[in-house]
Amino acid sequence: MNITKTELQDILLRCLATTSGPWKFYVEGPDHTVGSSFIQTAGNDIELTGASINDQDFVASANQDIPRLISVIANLKGWVL
């Protein structure tokens, strides 16, 4: 599989357009009777209905992980984004 510089830039722009990070995932414990698991951002918290704990953790981590991966890919390709 290959990726173009434009595609990588588009992915980075989508990521940068999200609410500021870092995002952190909080799992509501069994001792709590109200509330739900959520992703904390610098803006409004995010609650994902129907998502597993692993799904929510992935979404929260993507905000930090994707820019790092893009940087590695760009460096390997010799691209300046």
N, C-alpha and C. Protein backbone atom coordinates (compact mmCIF):
# COMPACT_ATOMS: atom_id res chain seq x y z
N MET A 1 0.84 -1.18 0.00
CA MET A 1 0.00 0.00 0.00
C MET A 1 0.89 1.24 0.00
N ASN A 2 0.49 2.22 -0.76
CA ASN A 2 1.25 3.44 -0.89
C ASN A 2 0.38 4.63 -0.49
N ILE A 3 1.02 5.73 -0.14
CA ILE A 3 0.30 6.95 0.20
C ILE A 3 1.01 8.12 -0.46
N THR A 4 0.23 9.05 -0.95
CA THR A 4 0.84 10.23 -1.56
C THR A 4 1.05 11.31 -0.50
N LYS A 5 1.88 12.27 -0.82
CA LYS A 5 2.12 13.38 0.09
C LYS A 5 0.82 14.14 0.34
N THR A 6 0.02 14.32 -0.70
CA THR A 6 -1.26 15.02 -0.56
C THR A 6 -2.20 14.27 0.38
N GLU A 7 -2.27 12.95 0.23
CA GLU A 7 -3.13 12.15 1.12
C GLU A 7 -2.67 12.29 2.58
N LEU A 8 -1.36 12.24 2.79
CA LEU A 8 -0.84 12.36 4.15
C LEU A 8 -1.13 13.75 4.72
N GLN A 9 -0.99 14.77 3.89
CA GLN A 9 -1.31 16.13 4.33
C GLN A 9 -2.80 16.26 4.68
N ASP A 10 -3.66 15.64 3.88
CA ASP A 10 -5.10 15.68 4.15
C ASP A 10 -5.44 15.02 5.49
N ILE A 11 -4.80 13.89 5.78
CA ILE A 11 -5.02 13.21 7.06
C ILE A 11 -4.58 14.11 8.21
N LEU A 12 -3.42 14.73 8.06
CA LEU A 12 -2.92 15.62 9.10
C LEU A 12 -3.85 16.81 9.30
N LEU A 13 -4.35 17.38 8.23
CA LEU A 13 -5.27 18.52 8.35
C LEU A 13 -6.55 18.13 9.08
N ARG A 14 -7.09 16.94 8.78
CA ARG A 14 -8.29 16.47 9.50
C ARG A 14 -8.00 16.33 10.99
N CYS A 15 -6.83 15.81 11.31
CA CYS A 15 -6.46 15.63 12.72
C CYS A 15 -6.29 16.98 13.41
N LEU A 16 -5.63 17.90 12.74
CA LEU A 16 -5.39 19.22 13.33
C LEU A 16 -6.66 20.04 13.48
N ALA A 17 -7.71 19.68 12.73
CA ALA A 17 -8.99 20.40 12.81
C ALA A 17 -9.83 19.97 14.01
N THR A 18 -9.41 18.93 14.71
CA THR A 18 -10.17 18.45 15.86
C THR A 18 -9.91 19.35 17.08
N THR A 19 -10.69 19.15 18.12
CA THR A 19 -10.50 19.88 19.37
C THR A 19 -9.11 19.60 19.91
N SER A 20 -8.52 20.62 20.49
CA SER A 20 -7.15 20.49 21.02
C SER A 20 -7.03 19.33 21.99
N GLY A 21 -5.85 18.76 22.02
CA GLY A 21 -5.55 17.65 22.92
C GLY A 21 -4.63 18.11 24.03
N PRO A 22 -4.11 17.20 24.79
CA PRO A 22 -4.30 15.77 24.56
C PRO A 22 -5.70 15.32 24.97
N TRP A 23 -6.15 14.26 24.33
CA TRP A 23 -7.41 13.64 24.70
C TRP A 23 -7.11 12.50 25.66
N LYS A 24 -7.97 12.34 26.65
CA LYS A 24 -7.77 11.28 27.63
C LYS A 24 -9.09 10.54 27.83
N PHE A 25 -9.00 9.23 27.86
CA PHE A 25 -10.18 8.38 28.02
C PHE A 25 -10.37 8.01 29.48
N TYR A 26 -11.57 8.21 29.98
CA TYR A 26 -11.93 7.86 31.35
C TYR A 26 -13.01 6.79 31.33
N VAL A 27 -12.77 5.70 32.02
CA VAL A 27 -13.74 4.62 32.11
C VAL A 27 -14.51 4.78 33.41
N GLU A 28 -15.82 4.84 33.29
CA GLU A 28 -16.68 4.93 34.47
C GLU A 28 -16.64 3.58 35.19
N GLY A 29 -16.31 3.60 36.44
CA GLY A 29 -16.17 2.37 37.22
C GLY A 29 -17.49 1.79 37.66
N PRO A 30 -17.48 0.55 38.15
CA PRO A 30 -18.70 -0.12 38.57
C PRO A 30 -19.32 0.47 39.84
N ASP A 31 -18.57 1.27 40.58
CA ASP A 31 -19.10 1.87 41.81
C ASP A 31 -19.92 3.12 41.57
N HIS A 32 -19.96 3.59 40.33
CA HIS A 32 -20.68 4.81 40.02
C HIS A 32 -22.04 4.47 39.41
N THR A 33 -23.06 5.18 39.85
CA THR A 33 -24.41 4.90 39.36
C THR A 33 -24.88 5.92 38.33
N VAL A 34 -24.12 6.98 38.15
CA VAL A 34 -24.48 7.99 37.15
C VAL A 34 -23.27 8.25 36.27
N GLY A 35 -23.51 8.83 35.12
CA GLY A 35 -22.41 9.15 34.22
C GLY A 35 -22.07 7.97 33.33
N SER A 36 -21.08 8.18 32.50
CA SER A 36 -20.64 7.13 31.60
C SER A 36 -19.19 7.36 31.26
N SER A 37 -18.57 6.39 30.61
CA SER A 37 -17.21 6.56 30.16
C SER A 37 -17.18 7.69 29.13
N PHE A 38 -16.07 8.44 29.07
CA PHE A 38 -16.01 9.56 28.15
C PHE A 38 -14.56 9.86 27.78
N ILE A 39 -14.42 10.66 26.72
CA ILE A 39 -13.12 11.14 26.28
C ILE A 39 -13.06 12.62 26.63
N GLN A 40 -12.06 12.98 27.42
CA GLN A 40 -11.89 14.37 27.82
C GLN A 40 -10.99 15.07 26.80
N THR A 41 -11.44 16.23 26.33
CA THR A 41 -10.66 17.04 25.40
C THR A 41 -10.48 18.42 26.04
N ALA A 42 -9.83 19.32 25.33
CA ALA A 42 -9.69 20.68 25.82
C ALA A 42 -11.01 21.45 25.67
N GLY A 43 -11.97 20.86 24.94
CA GLY A 43 -13.28 21.48 24.76
C GLY A 43 -14.33 20.65 25.47
N ASN A 44 -15.39 20.30 24.77
CA ASN A 44 -16.45 19.47 25.34
C ASN A 44 -16.00 18.01 25.40
N ASP A 45 -16.44 17.32 26.44
CA ASP A 45 -16.16 15.89 26.53
C ASP A 45 -16.93 15.15 25.45
N ILE A 46 -16.41 13.97 25.07
CA ILE A 46 -17.03 13.17 24.02
C ILE A 46 -17.53 11.87 24.65
N GLU A 47 -18.79 11.55 24.42
CA GLU A 47 -19.35 10.26 24.83
C GLU A 47 -19.73 9.51 23.57
N LEU A 48 -19.29 8.27 23.46
CA LEU A 48 -19.58 7.46 22.28
C LEU A 48 -20.58 6.37 22.64
N THR A 49 -21.77 6.47 22.12
CA THR A 49 -22.79 5.48 22.37
C THR A 49 -22.53 4.24 21.54
N GLY A 50 -22.57 3.09 22.18
CA GLY A 50 -22.41 1.83 21.48
C GLY A 50 -20.97 1.43 21.23
N ALA A 51 -20.02 2.24 21.64
CA ALA A 51 -18.61 1.92 21.44
C ALA A 51 -18.08 1.12 22.62
N SER A 52 -17.24 0.15 22.31
CA SER A 52 -16.61 -0.62 23.39
C SER A 52 -15.55 0.23 24.07
N ILE A 53 -15.07 -0.23 25.20
CA ILE A 53 -13.99 0.47 25.90
C ILE A 53 -12.77 0.58 24.98
N ASN A 54 -12.45 -0.49 24.26
CA ASN A 54 -11.31 -0.46 23.34
C ASN A 54 -11.53 0.54 22.21
N ASP A 55 -12.76 0.63 21.70
CA ASP A 55 -13.08 1.61 20.65
C ASP A 55 -12.85 3.03 21.15
N GLN A 56 -13.33 3.31 22.35
CA GLN A 56 -13.21 4.65 22.91
C GLN A 56 -11.75 5.00 23.20
N ASP A 57 -10.99 4.03 23.69
CA ASP A 57 -9.57 4.24 23.95
C ASP A 57 -8.83 4.54 22.65
N PHE A 58 -9.19 3.82 21.57
CA PHE A 58 -8.58 4.05 20.26
C PHE A 58 -8.86 5.47 19.77
N VAL A 59 -10.11 5.91 19.87
CA VAL A 59 -10.49 7.24 19.40
C VAL A 59 -9.73 8.31 20.19
N ALA A 60 -9.67 8.15 21.50
CA ALA A 60 -8.96 9.12 22.34
C ALA A 60 -7.48 9.15 22.00
N SER A 61 -6.88 8.01 21.79
CA SER A 61 -5.45 7.92 21.51
C SER A 61 -5.11 8.45 20.11
N ALA A 62 -6.04 8.33 19.18
CA ALA A 62 -5.79 8.75 17.80
C ALA A 62 -5.40 10.22 17.72
N ASN A 63 -5.95 11.04 18.60
CA ASN A 63 -5.64 12.47 18.57
C ASN A 63 -4.16 12.73 18.78
N GLN A 64 -3.51 11.91 19.57
CA GLN A 64 -2.07 12.04 19.81
C GLN A 64 -1.26 11.17 18.86
N ASP A 65 -1.78 9.97 18.55
CA ASP A 65 -1.02 8.99 17.77
C ASP A 65 -0.88 9.36 16.30
N ILE A 66 -1.94 9.86 15.69
CA ILE A 66 -1.92 10.13 14.25
C ILE A 66 -0.87 11.17 13.87
N PRO A 67 -0.77 12.31 14.56
CA PRO A 67 0.28 13.26 14.19
C PRO A 67 1.69 12.65 14.32
N ARG A 68 1.90 11.82 15.32
CA ARG A 68 3.21 11.18 15.49
C ARG A 68 3.49 10.23 14.33
N LEU A 69 2.51 9.42 13.95
CA LEU A 69 2.69 8.51 12.83
C LEU A 69 2.93 9.26 11.53
N ILE A 70 2.21 10.34 11.32
CA ILE A 70 2.39 11.14 10.11
C ILE A 70 3.80 11.71 10.07
N SER A 71 4.30 12.16 11.20
CA SER A 71 5.66 12.70 11.26
C SER A 71 6.69 11.64 10.88
N VAL A 72 6.52 10.43 11.39
CA VAL A 72 7.44 9.33 11.07
C VAL A 72 7.39 9.02 9.57
N ILE A 73 6.18 8.91 9.03
CA ILE A 73 6.03 8.61 7.60
C ILE A 73 6.66 9.70 6.74
N ALA A 74 6.37 10.95 7.08
CA ALA A 74 6.93 12.08 6.32
C ALA A 74 8.46 12.05 6.37
N ASN A 75 9.03 11.79 7.53
CA ASN A 75 10.49 11.72 7.66
C ASN A 75 11.06 10.58 6.84
N LEU A 76 10.41 9.42 6.85
CA LEU A 76 10.89 8.29 6.08
C LEU A 76 10.85 8.57 4.57
N LYS A 77 9.85 9.32 4.14
CA LYS A 77 9.69 9.65 2.73
C LYS A 77 10.52 10.87 2.32
N GLY A 78 11.05 11.59 3.33
CA GLY A 78 11.81 12.80 3.03
C GLY A 78 10.92 13.99 2.69
N TRP A 79 9.68 13.97 3.17
CA TRP A 79 8.73 15.03 2.88
C TRP A 79 8.68 16.04 4.02
N VAL A 80 8.49 17.29 3.67
CA VAL A 80 8.22 18.34 4.64
C VAL A 80 6.74 18.68 4.50
N LEU A 81 5.99 18.51 5.58
CA LEU A 81 4.54 18.78 5.51
C LEU A 81 4.23 20.14 6.10
